[in-house]
Amino acid sequence: MRLKNHPLFYLFLIVIGAVMAFVGQGQGGEDKPYILIVGFVLLMYGLYGTATKWVKDNPRQDEEDDSDEDEEETT
C-alpha cells in the first residue's frame, strides 16, 4: 500500500497543517506568513485527499443518485 493513499497520511497532513496555521498566526501581533501559508496548503491538501478518497470508496451512492434523477425526468 502506498503511503500517499493511506487515510492516516491525510489525517497527518490535516493535523500538521492546522498546527502550522495556528503557529503562523503568532501572538502579540507577530505573524509568520510563510508558516501560515504552508499550514493552510497542507490543511487543504489533506482535506482534498480525504474527500476524494471518500468518493472513491462509495461509488454506489453516485449510481443511485443518477437513477433517481432519471426517474424524475421521465415523470
Protein backbone atom coordinates (compact mmCIF):
# COMPACT_ATOMS: atom_id res chain seq x y z
CA MET A 1 0.00 0.00 0.00
CA ARG A 2 1.33 3.38 -0.94
CA LEU A 3 1.63 5.90 1.84
CA LYS A 4 0.07 8.70 -0.19
CA ASN A 5 -3.24 6.82 -0.49
CA HIS A 6 -3.36 5.82 3.16
CA PRO A 7 -6.06 7.64 5.20
CA LEU A 8 -3.67 8.27 8.09
CA PHE A 9 -1.39 10.19 5.73
CA TYR A 10 -4.21 12.65 5.02
CA LEU A 11 -5.10 12.87 8.71
CA PHE A 12 -1.45 13.64 9.46
CA LEU A 13 -1.47 16.43 6.85
CA ILE A 14 -4.66 17.92 8.30
CA VAL A 15 -3.28 17.94 11.84
CA ILE A 16 0.14 19.30 10.87
CA GLY A 17 -1.46 21.93 8.63
CA ALA A 18 -3.78 23.09 11.40
CA VAL A 19 -0.93 23.30 13.91
CA MET A 20 1.21 25.26 11.46
CA ALA A 21 -1.69 27.63 10.73
CA PHE A 22 -2.12 28.36 14.45
CA VAL A 23 1.63 28.81 14.94
CA GLY A 24 1.80 31.06 11.88
CA GLN A 25 -0.73 33.46 13.33
CA GLY A 26 1.55 34.10 16.26
CA GLN A 27 0.71 36.00 19.40
CA GLY A 28 1.18 39.64 20.14
CA GLY A 29 0.97 40.71 16.51
CA GLU A 30 4.00 38.81 15.22
CA ASP A 31 2.63 36.96 12.20
CA LYS A 32 4.70 34.38 10.35
CA PRO A 33 3.14 34.46 6.88
CA TYR A 34 5.20 31.68 5.30
CA ILE A 35 4.39 29.21 8.06
CA LEU A 36 0.74 30.25 7.85
CA ILE A 37 0.64 29.71 4.08
CA VAL A 38 2.35 26.31 4.25
CA GLY A 39 -0.01 25.31 7.06
CA PHE A 40 -3.06 26.21 5.00
CA VAL A 41 -1.71 24.42 1.94
CA LEU A 42 -1.10 21.23 3.92
CA LEU A 43 -4.51 21.50 5.56
CA MET A 44 -6.31 21.98 2.25
CA TYR A 45 -4.39 19.17 0.55
CA GLY A 46 -5.23 16.83 3.42
CA LEU A 47 -8.92 17.75 3.20
CA TYR A 48 -8.90 17.34 -0.58
CA GLY A 49 -7.26 13.91 -0.34
CA THR A 50 -9.72 12.78 2.32
CA ALA A 51 -12.72 13.93 0.29
CA THR A 52 -11.56 12.25 -2.92
CA LYS A 53 -10.84 9.03 -1.01
CA TRP A 54 -14.37 9.00 0.42
CA VAL A 55 -15.86 9.47 -3.05
CA LYS A 56 -13.80 6.60 -4.49
CA ASP A 57 -14.78 4.33 -1.60
CA ASN A 58 -18.52 4.85 -2.16
CA PRO A 59 -19.30 4.80 -5.91
CA ARG A 60 -22.63 3.05 -5.33
CA GLN A 61 -24.19 6.23 -3.96
CA ASP A 62 -23.43 8.06 -7.23
CA GLU A 63 -25.20 5.34 -9.23
CA GLU A 64 -28.29 5.60 -7.00
CA ASP A 65 -28.36 9.39 -7.36
CA ASP A 66 -28.15 9.11 -11.15
CA SER A 67 -31.04 6.65 -11.29
CA ASP A 68 -33.18 8.91 -9.07
CA GLU A 69 -32.57 11.85 -11.41
CA ASP A 70 -33.51 9.76 -14.45
CA GLU A 71 -36.81 8.74 -12.82
CA GLU A 72 -37.67 12.36 -12.01
CA GLU A 73 -37.07 13.42 -15.61
CA THR A 74 -39.36 10.74 -17.07
CA THR A 75 -42.30 11.56 -14.80
